[in-house]
Structures are given as C-alpha cells and as structure tokens.
C-alpha atoms as a PDB file:
ATOM      1  CA  MET A   1      -8.545  11.807 -19.527  1.00  0.00           C
ATOM      2  CA  SER A   2     -10.214   8.648 -20.467  1.00  0.00           C
ATOM      3  CA  ARG A   3     -13.320   9.002 -22.435  1.00  0.00           C
ATOM      4  CA  GLY A   4     -16.503   8.181 -20.553  1.00  0.00           C
ATOM      5  CA  GLY A   5     -14.300   6.954 -17.473  1.00  0.00           C
ATOM      6  CA  GLU A   6     -14.145   3.083 -18.721  1.00  0.00           C
ATOM      7  CA  MET A   7     -12.542   2.698 -22.054  1.00  0.00           C
ATOM      8  CA  VAL A   8      -8.951   2.753 -22.519  1.00  0.00           C
ATOM      9  CA  TYR A   9      -7.712   4.508 -25.496  1.00  0.00           C
ATOM     10  CA  ILE A  10      -4.886   6.266 -27.219  1.00  0.00           C
ATOM     11  CA  PRO A  11      -4.965   9.803 -27.307  1.00  0.00           C
ATOM     12  CA  ASP A  12      -5.627  11.661 -30.467  1.00  0.00           C
ATOM     13  CA  ASP A  13      -4.958  15.006 -32.031  1.00  0.00           C
ATOM     14  CA  SER A  14      -7.891  16.577 -30.068  1.00  0.00           C
ATOM     15  CA  ASP A  15      -6.447  15.271 -26.763  1.00  0.00           C
ATOM     16  CA  PHE A  16      -3.138  16.670 -27.380  1.00  0.00           C
ATOM     17  CA  SER A  17      -4.733  20.160 -28.625  1.00  0.00           C
ATOM     18  CA  SER A  18      -6.688  20.124 -25.424  1.00  0.00           C
ATOM     19  CA  PHE A  19      -3.717  19.469 -23.303  1.00  0.00           C
ATOM     20  CA  ARG A  20      -1.780  22.186 -24.988  1.00  0.00           C
ATOM     21  CA  ASP A  21      -4.543  24.698 -24.413  1.00  0.00           C
ATOM     22  CA  GLN A  22      -4.540  23.849 -20.816  1.00  0.00           C
ATOM     23  CA  CYS A  23      -0.780  24.392 -20.509  1.00  0.00           C
ATOM     24  CA  GLU A  24      -0.869  27.723 -22.294  1.00  0.00           C
ATOM     25  CA  SER A  25      -4.126  29.210 -20.951  1.00  0.00           C
ATOM     26  CA  LEU A  26      -4.294  31.181 -17.610  1.00  0.00           C
ATOM     27  CA  GLU A  27      -7.902  31.343 -17.324  1.00  0.00           C
ATOM     28  CA  GLY A  28      -9.129  29.760 -14.210  1.00  0.00           C
ATOM     29  CA  TRP A  29      -5.674  29.086 -12.854  1.00  0.00           C
ATOM     30  CA  HIS A  30      -4.275  30.582  -9.600  1.00  0.00           C
ATOM     31  CA  CYS A  31      -0.557  31.611  -9.417  1.00  0.00           C
ATOM     32  CA  ARG A  32       1.030  29.925  -6.237  1.00  0.00           C
ATOM     33  CA  TYR A  33       4.669  30.460  -6.973  1.00  0.00           C
ATOM     34  CA  ASN A  34       6.765  32.984  -9.304  1.00  0.00           C
ATOM     35  CA  LYS A  35      10.408  33.055  -8.696  1.00  0.00           C
ATOM     36  CA  ALA A  36      13.653  32.864 -10.662  1.00  0.00           C
ATOM     37  CA  GLY A  37      11.918  31.960 -13.908  1.00  0.00           C
ATOM     38  CA  VAL A  38       9.619  29.198 -12.388  1.00  0.00           C
ATOM     39  CA  THR A  39       5.864  29.728 -12.226  1.00  0.00           C
ATOM     40  CA  VAL A  40       3.399  27.353 -10.489  1.00  0.00           C
ATOM     41  CA  TRP A  41      -0.475  27.555 -10.839  1.00  0.00           C
ATOM     42  CA  SER A  42      -3.130  25.411  -9.468  1.00  0.00           C
ATOM     43  CA  GLN A  43      -6.759  25.137 -10.517  1.00  0.00           C
ATOM     44  CA  GLY A  44     -10.320  23.870  -9.825  1.00  0.00           C
ATOM     45  CA  GLN A  45     -10.004  22.561  -6.198  1.00  0.00           C
ATOM     46  CA  GLU A  46      -9.866  23.853  -2.593  1.00  0.00           C
ATOM     47  CA  GLU A  47      -6.298  24.401  -1.250  1.00  0.00           C
ATOM     48  CA  SER A  48      -6.716  21.721   1.304  1.00  0.00           C
ATOM     49  CA  CYS A  49      -7.841  19.044  -1.356  1.00  0.00           C
ATOM     50  CA  THR A  50      -5.477  16.522  -2.229  1.00  0.00           C
ATOM     51  CA  VAL A  51      -6.424  16.157  -5.740  1.00  0.00           C
ATOM     52  CA  GLN A  52      -5.357  19.241  -7.294  1.00  0.00           C
ATOM     53  CA  LYS A  53      -4.466  20.189 -10.933  1.00  0.00           C
ATOM     54  CA  ILE A  54      -0.934  21.750 -11.018  1.00  0.00           C
ATOM     55  CA  LYS A  55       0.855  23.596 -13.773  1.00  0.00           C
ATOM     56  CA  THR A  56       4.308  24.856 -13.797  1.00  0.00           C
ATOM     57  CA  ARG A  57       6.493  26.563 -16.405  1.00  0.00           C
ATOM     58  CA  ILE A  58      10.035  27.112 -16.767  1.00  0.00           C
ATOM     59  CA  SER A  59      12.185  29.204 -19.351  1.00  0.00           C
ATOM     60  CA  CYS A  60      15.187  26.891 -20.426  1.00  0.00           C
ATOM     61  CA  LYS A  61      18.084  28.771 -21.959  1.00  0.00           C
ATOM     62  CA  ASP A  62      20.785  27.012 -24.030  1.00  0.00           C
ATOM     63  CA  VAL A  63      18.491  23.701 -24.146  1.00  0.00           C
ATOM     64  CA  PRO A  64      16.673  23.002 -27.489  1.00  0.00           C
ATOM     65  CA  ALA A  65      13.311  21.875 -27.381  1.00  0.00           C
ATOM     66  CA  GLU A  66      14.276  18.353 -29.000  1.00  0.00           C
ATOM     67  CA  THR A  67      16.965  17.956 -26.233  1.00  0.00           C
ATOM     68  CA  LEU A  68      14.529  18.316 -23.481  1.00  0.00           C
ATOM     69  CA  TYR A  69      11.988  15.949 -25.362  1.00  0.00           C
ATOM     70  CA  ASP A  70      14.911  13.232 -25.457  1.00  0.00           C
ATOM     71  CA  VAL A  71      15.551  13.714 -21.632  1.00  0.00           C
ATOM     72  CA  LEU A  72      11.923  13.134 -20.814  1.00  0.00           C
ATOM     73  CA  HIS A  73      11.847  10.069 -22.729  1.00  0.00           C
ATOM     74  CA  ASP A  74      15.114   8.324 -21.931  1.00  0.00           C
ATOM     75  CA  THR A  75      14.632   6.105 -18.976  1.00  0.00           C
ATOM     76  CA  SER A  76      18.323   5.137 -18.989  1.00  0.00           C
ATOM     77  CA  TYR A  77      19.077   8.910 -18.199  1.00  0.00           C
ATOM     78  CA  ARG A  78      16.365   9.279 -15.485  1.00  0.00           C
ATOM     79  CA  SER A  79      18.353   7.965 -12.652  1.00  0.00           C
ATOM     80  CA  LYS A  80      20.823  10.709 -13.173  1.00  0.00           C
ATOM     81  CA  TRP A  81      18.571  13.513 -12.562  1.00  0.00           C
ATOM     82  CA  ASP A  82      15.509  12.130 -10.883  1.00  0.00           C
ATOM     83  CA  SER A  83      16.596  11.445  -7.184  1.00  0.00           C
ATOM     84  CA  ASN A  84      12.961  10.918  -6.367  1.00  0.00           C
ATOM     85  CA  MET A  85      12.845   8.034  -8.568  1.00  0.00           C
ATOM     86  CA  ILE A  86      12.763   4.410  -7.047  1.00  0.00           C
ATOM     87  CA  GLU A  87      12.188   2.415 -10.429  1.00  0.00           C
ATOM     88  CA  THR A  88      11.014   3.063 -13.816  1.00  0.00           C
ATOM     89  CA  TYR A  89      10.632   0.777 -16.853  1.00  0.00           C
ATOM     90  CA  ASP A  90       8.639   0.403 -20.075  1.00  0.00           C
ATOM     91  CA  ILE A  91       6.207  -2.433 -20.084  1.00  0.00           C
ATOM     92  CA  GLY A  92       5.147  -2.711 -23.749  1.00  0.00           C
ATOM     93  CA  ARG A  93       4.192  -0.584 -26.803  1.00  0.00           C
ATOM     94  CA  LEU A  94       0.826  -0.084 -28.228  1.00  0.00           C
ATOM     95  CA  THR A  95       1.561   2.002 -31.296  1.00  0.00           C
ATOM     96  CA  VAL A  96       4.458   3.875 -32.614  1.00  0.00           C
ATOM     97  CA  ASN A  97       3.731   6.813 -30.451  1.00  0.00           C
ATOM     98  CA  ALA A  98       2.264   5.170 -27.196  1.00  0.00           C
ATOM     99  CA  ASP A  99       3.602   2.684 -24.661  1.00  0.00           C
ATOM    100  CA  VAL A 100       2.746   1.453 -21.068  1.00  0.00           C
ATOM    101  CA  GLY A 101       5.187   1.959 -18.275  1.00  0.00           C
ATOM    102  CA  TYR A 102       5.866   1.768 -14.634  1.00  0.00           C
ATOM    103  CA  TYR A 103       7.218   4.226 -12.145  1.00  0.00           C
ATOM    104  CA  SER A 104       7.651   4.308  -8.518  1.00  0.00           C
ATOM    105  CA  TRP A 105       8.704   7.257  -6.288  1.00  0.00           C
ATOM    106  CA  LYS A 106       9.992   8.131  -2.951  1.00  0.00           C
ATOM    107  CA  CYS A 107       7.518  10.450  -0.910  1.00  0.00           C
ATOM    108  CA  PRO A 108       8.690  12.685   1.946  1.00  0.00           C
ATOM    109  CA  SER A 109       9.231  10.622   5.006  1.00  0.00           C
ATOM    110  CA  PRO A 110       6.992   9.748   6.958  1.00  0.00           C
ATOM    111  CA  LEU A 111       4.548   9.214   3.944  1.00  0.00           C
ATOM    112  CA  LYS A 112       4.322   5.958   2.159  1.00  0.00           C
ATOM    113  CA  ASN A 113       6.039   5.573  -1.301  1.00  0.00           C
ATOM    114  CA  ARG A 114       3.743   5.649  -4.287  1.00  0.00           C
ATOM    115  CA  ASP A 115       3.823   4.105  -7.924  1.00  0.00           C
ATOM    116  CA  PHE A 116       1.927   4.301 -10.986  1.00  0.00           C
ATOM    117  CA  VAL A 117       1.163   2.099 -14.160  1.00  0.00           C
ATOM    118  CA  THR A 118       0.411   4.515 -17.014  1.00  0.00           C
ATOM    119  CA  LEU A 119      -0.512   4.705 -20.718  1.00  0.00           C
ATOM    120  CA  ARG A 120       1.753   7.339 -22.337  1.00  0.00           C
ATOM    121  CA  SER A 121       1.570   9.007 -25.832  1.00  0.00           C
ATOM    122  CA  TRP A 122       3.776  11.472 -27.542  1.00  0.00           C
ATOM    123  CA  LEU A 123       3.601  13.733 -30.393  1.00  0.00           C
ATOM    124  CA  PRO A 124       6.035  16.003 -31.920  1.00  0.00           C
ATOM    125  CA  LEU A 125       4.520  19.203 -33.566  1.00  0.00           C
ATOM    126  CA  GLY A 126       6.718  21.160 -35.783  1.00  0.00           C
ATOM    127  CA  ASN A 127       9.179  22.632 -33.244  1.00  0.00           C
ATOM    128  CA  ASP A 128       6.904  21.786 -30.294  1.00  0.00           C
ATOM    129  CA  TYR A 129       6.597  18.487 -28.211  1.00  0.00           C
ATOM    130  CA  MET A 130       4.178  16.896 -26.146  1.00  0.00           C
ATOM    131  CA  ILE A 131       4.114  13.793 -23.895  1.00  0.00           C
ATOM    132  CA  ILE A 132       0.981  12.880 -22.105  1.00  0.00           C
ATOM    133  CA  ASN A 133      -0.266  10.142 -19.975  1.00  0.00           C
ATOM    134  CA  TYR A 134      -2.886   8.609 -17.638  1.00  0.00           C
ATOM    135  CA  SER A 135      -3.234   5.476 -15.374  1.00  0.00           C
ATOM    136  CA  VAL A 136      -4.234   2.272 -16.636  1.00  0.00           C
ATOM    137  CA  LYS A 137      -4.534  -1.330 -15.005  1.00  0.00           C
ATOM    138  CA  HIS A 138      -2.293  -4.104 -16.511  1.00  0.00           C
ATOM    139  CA  PRO A 139      -3.076  -7.693 -15.256  1.00  0.00           C
ATOM    140  CA  LYS A 140       0.585  -8.421 -14.704  1.00  0.00           C
ATOM    141  CA  TYR A 141       1.215  -5.453 -12.776  1.00  0.00           C
ATOM    142  CA  PRO A 142      -0.996  -5.248  -9.963  1.00  0.00           C
ATOM    143  CA  PRO A 143      -0.749  -2.874  -6.761  1.00  0.00           C
ATOM    144  CA  ARG A 144       2.110  -3.822  -4.647  1.00  0.00           C
ATOM    145  CA  LYS A 145       2.072  -4.341  -0.735  1.00  0.00           C
ATOM    146  CA  ASP A 146       5.235  -2.003  -0.406  1.00  0.00           C
ATOM    147  CA  PHE A 147       3.732   0.877  -2.340  1.00  0.00           C
ATOM    148  CA  VAL A 148       0.531   2.968  -2.487  1.00  0.00           C
ATOM    149  CA  ARG A 149      -0.814   2.849  -5.976  1.00  0.00           C
ATOM    150  CA  ALA A 150      -1.438   6.509  -7.097  1.00  0.00           C
ATOM    151  CA  VAL A 151      -3.667   7.397 -10.008  1.00  0.00           C
ATOM    152  CA  SER A 152      -2.603   9.882 -12.877  1.00  0.00           C
ATOM    153  CA  LEU A 153      -5.998  11.556 -14.067  1.00  0.00           C
ATOM    154  CA  GLN A 154      -3.642  13.366 -16.691  1.00  0.00           C
ATOM    155  CA  THR A 155      -0.079  14.431 -16.614  1.00  0.00           C
ATOM    156  CA  GLY A 156       2.097  15.755 -19.340  1.00  0.00           C
ATOM    157  CA  TYR A 157       4.649  17.813 -20.687  1.00  0.00           C
ATOM    158  CA  LEU A 158       4.765  20.516 -23.337  1.00  0.00           C
ATOM    159  CA  ILE A 159       7.941  21.718 -24.688  1.00  0.00           C
ATOM    160  CA  LYS A 160       7.750  24.864 -26.702  1.00  0.00           C
ATOM    161  CA  ALA A 161      10.940  25.901 -28.790  1.00  0.00           C
ATOM    162  CA  ASN A 162      11.881  29.616 -27.889  1.00  0.00           C
ATOM    163  CA  GLY A 163      14.209  31.115 -30.177  1.00  0.00           C
ATOM    164  CA  ASP A 164      17.551  29.504 -31.141  1.00  0.00           C
ATOM    165  CA  GLY A 165      18.634  26.644 -28.935  1.00  0.00           C
ATOM    166  CA  ALA A 166      16.264  27.370 -26.120  1.00  0.00           C
ATOM    167  CA  CYS A 167      12.797  26.337 -25.004  1.00  0.00           C
ATOM    168  CA  ILE A 168       9.917  26.731 -22.535  1.00  0.00           C
ATOM    169  CA  LEU A 169       8.706  23.767 -20.507  1.00  0.00           C
ATOM    170  CA  TYR A 170       5.350  23.257 -18.987  1.00  0.00           C
ATOM    171  CA  TYR A 171       4.306  20.580 -16.767  1.00  0.00           C
ATOM    172  CA  LEU A 172       0.636  19.809 -16.183  1.00  0.00           C
ATOM    173  CA  THR A 173      -0.495  17.075 -13.442  1.00  0.00           C
ATOM    174  CA  GLN A 174      -3.563  16.190 -12.009  1.00  0.00           C
ATOM    175  CA  VAL A 175      -2.930  12.928  -9.654  1.00  0.00           C
ATOM    176  CA  ASP A 176      -4.796  11.201  -6.834  1.00  0.00           C
ATOM    177  CA  PRO A 177      -2.321  10.101  -4.463  1.00  0.00           C
ATOM    178  CA  ARG A 178      -4.607   7.733  -2.716  1.00  0.00           C
ATOM    179  CA  GLY A 179      -4.521   8.999   0.713  1.00  0.00           C
ATOM    180  CA  SER A 180      -5.786  11.707   2.883  1.00  0.00           C
ATOM    181  CA  LEU A 181      -2.603  13.712   2.968  1.00  0.00           C
ATOM    182  CA  PRO A 182      -1.369  16.332   5.488  1.00  0.00           C
ATOM    183  CA  LYS A 183      -2.102  19.857   4.334  1.00  0.00           C
ATOM    184  CA  TRP A 184       1.533  20.771   4.616  1.00  0.00           C
ATOM    185  CA  VAL A 185       2.264  17.996   1.878  1.00  0.00           C
ATOM    186  CA  VAL A 186      -0.165  19.546  -0.600  1.00  0.00           C
ATOM    187  CA  ASN A 187       1.186  23.161   0.100  1.00  0.00           C
ATOM    188  CA  ARG A 188       4.739  22.249  -0.398  1.00  0.00           C
ATOM    189  CA  VAL A 189       4.174  20.499  -3.746  1.00  0.00           C
ATOM    190  CA  SER A 190       3.389  23.812  -5.092  1.00  0.00           C
ATOM    191  CA  GLN A 191       5.771  25.931  -3.231  1.00  0.00           C
ATOM    192  CA  PHE A 192       8.780  23.533  -3.069  1.00  0.00           C
ATOM    193  CA  VAL A 193       8.541  20.282  -4.740  1.00  0.00           C
ATOM    194  CA  ALA A 194       7.286  21.344  -8.391  1.00  0.00           C
ATOM    195  CA  PRO A 195       9.886  24.349  -8.774  1.00  0.00           C
ATOM    196  CA  LYS A 196      12.890  22.203  -7.859  1.00  0.00           C
ATOM    197  CA  ALA A 197      11.559  19.474 -10.069  1.00  0.00           C
ATOM    198  CA  MET A 198      11.348  21.893 -13.123  1.00  0.00           C
ATOM    199  CA  LYS A 199      14.861  23.095 -12.387  1.00  0.00           C
ATOM    200  CA  LYS A 200      16.323  19.463 -12.182  1.00  0.00           C
ATOM    201  CA  ILE A 201      14.882  18.844 -15.546  1.00  0.00           C
ATOM    202  CA  TYR A 202      16.430  22.087 -17.044  1.00  0.00           C
ATOM    203  CA  LYS A 203      19.758  20.990 -15.658  1.00  0.00           C
ATOM    204  CA  ALA A 204      19.309  17.608 -16.945  1.00  0.00           C
ATOM    205  CA  GLY A 205      18.894  18.994 -20.323  1.00  0.00           C
ATOM    206  CA  LEU A 206      22.140  20.862 -20.272  1.00  0.00           C
ATOM    207  CA  LYS A 207      23.858  17.870 -19.397  1.00  0.00           C
ATOM    208  CA  TYR A 208      22.195  15.436 -21.511  1.00  0.00           C
ATOM    209  CA  PRO A 209      24.262  15.898 -24.964  1.00  0.00           C
ATOM    210  CA  GLU A 210      27.513  14.986 -23.298  1.00  0.00           C
ATOM    211  CA  TRP A 211      26.006  12.093 -21.608  1.00  0.00           C
ATOM    212  CA  LYS A 212      24.186  10.684 -24.630  1.00  0.00           C
ATOM    213  CA  ARG A 213      27.502  10.821 -26.707  1.00  0.00           C
ATOM    214  CA  ARG A 214      28.951   8.281 -24.268  1.00  0.00           C
ATOM    215  CA  HIS A 215      25.767   6.140 -23.945  1.00  0.00           C
ATOM    216  CA  ASP A 216      24.393   4.568 -27.269  1.00  0.00           C
ATOM    217  CA  PRO A 217      24.004   8.145 -29.110  1.00  0.00           C
ATOM    218  CA  GLY A 218      22.151   6.580 -31.899  1.00  0.00           C
ATOM    219  CA  TYR A 219      19.450   4.888 -29.629  1.00  0.00           C
ATOM    220  CA  LYS A 220      16.304   6.931 -29.690  1.00  0.00           C
ATOM    221  CA  PRO A 221      13.296   4.741 -30.083  1.00  0.00           C
ATOM    222  CA  TRP A 222      11.005   7.521 -29.325  1.00  0.00           C
ATOM    223  CA  VAL A 223      12.317   9.199 -32.286  1.00  0.00           C
ATOM    224  CA  TYR A 224      13.002   5.939 -34.415  1.00  0.00           C
ATOM    225  CA  PRO A 225      10.113   3.635 -33.850  1.00  0.00           C
ATOM    226  CA  GLU A 226      12.114   0.814 -35.759  1.00  0.00           C
ATOM    227  CA  GLN A 227      14.524   0.811 -32.759  1.00  0.00           C
ATOM    228  CA  ASN A 228      11.815  -0.161 -30.388  1.00  0.00           C
ATOM    229  CA  THR A 229      12.076  -3.732 -29.122  1.00  0.00           C
ATOM    230  CA  LEU A 230       9.198  -3.714 -26.471  1.00  0.00           C
ATOM    231  CA  PRO A 231       6.574  -6.479 -26.682  1.00  0.00           C
ATOM    232  CA  SER A 232       3.351  -5.455 -27.959  1.00  0.00           C
ATOM    233  CA  VAL A 233       0.614  -4.619 -25.657  1.00  0.00           C
ATOM    234  CA  SER A 234      -3.196  -4.794 -26.861  1.00  0.00           C
ATOM    235  CA  LEU A 235      -5.556  -2.362 -25.506  1.00  0.00           C
ATOM    236  CA  ALA A 236      -7.714  -5.101 -24.741  1.00  0.00           C
ATOM    237  CA  GLU A 237      -5.270  -6.178 -21.926  1.00  0.00           C
ATOM    238  CA  LEU A 238      -5.678  -2.899 -20.202  1.00  0.00           C
ATOM    239  CA  SER A 239      -8.685  -1.058 -18.232  1.00  0.00           C
ATOM    240  CA  VAL A 240      -8.894   2.333 -16.746  1.00  0.00           C
ATOM    241  CA  GLN A 241      -7.272   2.718 -13.197  1.00  0.00           C
ATOM    242  CA  HIS A 242     -10.035   3.974 -10.979  1.00  0.00           C
ATOM    243  CA  ALA A 243      -9.152   5.587  -7.688  1.00  0.00           C
ATOM    244  CA  ASP A 244     -11.932   4.180  -5.708  1.00  0.00           C
ATOM    245  CA  SER A 245     -10.823   0.704  -6.231  1.00  0.00           C
ATOM    246  CA  LEU A 246      -7.541   1.384  -4.709  1.00  0.00           C
ATOM    247  CA  GLU A 247      -6.272   1.424  -0.993  1.00  0.00           C
ATOM    248  CA  ASN A 248      -7.039   4.851   0.422  1.00  0.00           C
ATOM    249  CA  ILE A 249      -4.960   5.524   3.418  1.00  0.00           C
ATOM    250  CA  ASP A 250      -5.121   8.273   6.023  1.00  0.00           C
ATOM    251  CA  GLU A 251      -1.924  10.203   6.567  1.00  0.00           C
ATOM    252  CA  THR A 252      -3.293  13.527   7.618  1.00  0.00           C
ATOM    253  CA  GLY A 253      -1.974  13.159  11.334  1.00  0.00           C
ATOM    254  CA  LEU A 254       1.598  12.689  10.294  1.00  0.00           C
ATOM    255  CA  PRO A 255       4.062  15.347  11.413  1.00  0.00           C
ATOM    256  CA  GLU A 256       6.042  17.855   9.283  1.00  0.00           C
ATOM    257  CA  GLU A 257       8.965  17.791  11.412  1.00  0.00           C
ATOM    258  CA  HIS A 258      10.201  14.728  10.045  1.00  0.00           C
ATOM    259  CA  LEU A 259      10.661  16.249   6.479  1.00  0.00           C
ATOM    260  CA  SER A 260      14.092  16.734   5.333  1.00  0.00           C
ATOM    261  CA  THR A 261      15.276  18.822   2.265  1.00  0.00           C
ATOM    262  CA  SER A 262      16.791  15.785   0.526  1.00  0.00           C
ATOM    263  CA  ASP A 263      13.165  14.051   0.789  1.00  0.00           C
ATOM    264  CA  HIS A 264      11.870  16.790  -1.118  1.00  0.00           C
ATOM    265  CA  GLU A 265      14.153  16.443  -4.483  1.00  0.00           C
ATOM    266  CA  ALA A 266      11.723  15.933  -7.141  1.00  0.00           C
END
C-alpha cells in the first residue's frame, strides 16, 4: 500500500476509495468458498504461493454497521472473540483517524507464531465504515525472537450498512507471513480459517452491545478523538517494513497431522 515502497504515509480518500473498489469488485477474483452466507475469493497468485490476496464477505443480520465498526476497533473486547490473538495493543496515535499498533497471533501447530506492527487508518463514510492497515517499522518495537515478524502489504475491513440493523462485512488481506509454508496451510486459509474468522466477528457483533454496556460504555476513542490518550507518534519515526529484510523460514516440510481444529480458530 505504501507509495513507491519507501515512504510511510497516512492513507487518504483515494486509498480508501481504491480499497472499497477492491472489496466490491469481482473482476480478477476467483471464488474459493461459498457456504452458509460466507464467500471467500483469492486473486492474482498461484494457488501454491504463500503471498495471496484473500477477500471474504459475510452478511450480518441483526448487527448494525456501527456496532461491527466498534467491535473491530475495541482492543479490550478482542480477547473475548479472537482466540487466535496472543497480544494486541496500541503504540501511539498519528492523527485523529490513524495510529500504530502491535498484534501477535497463534499459528496452527507446528508453525511458528507470527506478529505485526502496523499503521492503521479508518474512515466512516455515511453508513459505511472502513479500517485499513499496512506494516511499518517502529524503532522501539523490533522483531522478537519468539515470533516471526510477518508483513501486511494491505489488510482491511469494509462494513456496509444493509437495511435496518444489518450490515455486510468484507475483509481483504494481502500478507507475507515470512516463510515457505506448506501448501495445506495456504489452502486451509481460504477453505477453513477465513470463513470461521468471519463467523466469529459476526457473533462478536451480536454480543458486543451487552458487553459494552458493562465495560466503560461511553469510551470509544475511535469515534470520539478527544478520548484518545495515546502518545503521539511522528511519521518520521516510522519506516516501511520490507519483507526481504526479515527472517524467512522454510516450513514446507511440516506435516499436517499435528493440526487440530482448535488451532485454527481465527
């Protein structure tokens, strides 16, 4: 997503417009899964290639767009629904609608766990909402020995209002996981992990209003910037995270039999 590949920048209206177009367009996308209201597409890479662009879509009845937007922003709530997450926190704010954050997640055994440092930006547009990110380097958050630092080339959500109290959620991601992964992992992302992840976000949206009523209901710094107490981060402190500067491990020989269903909860 970074312009020219070198300069860190905060996405503007044209970036959000491009992201929305990618979510809504079917041109060049290949359907990989379509069951029970969830669709998964892939684009532009060989099936055996690790760095695929994946897009998923789910229709969420009884969940307003603004509620799902809150769910995806609320790091305090994330541990309630994202069982893959090891740790997540906000590092600092760049503007009223952009920040830098950290996220680590459990990969299916026997793969090594991965983590990210990303620049995230968000934009409400009428009844629709978008959140997008890409990987950056922050001097105080270098790669850790216990994780493989992965690279988000472009990842984000588009939440579209769909009638009264309902919405459609798109999730689009292009990530370099840094490693030569077994083909079964790449295949299972589209066939199993992505659909399950979307269903979990949907269920999280159904439960969020009740949870939020009991957990600081007025606190939403993504909606009310004046509530944001994060330290300021300057763009000058950041640089683009290039995949080729990171560890690249070969996990192609790892067997599938160790994989358990619980490992794949996304």
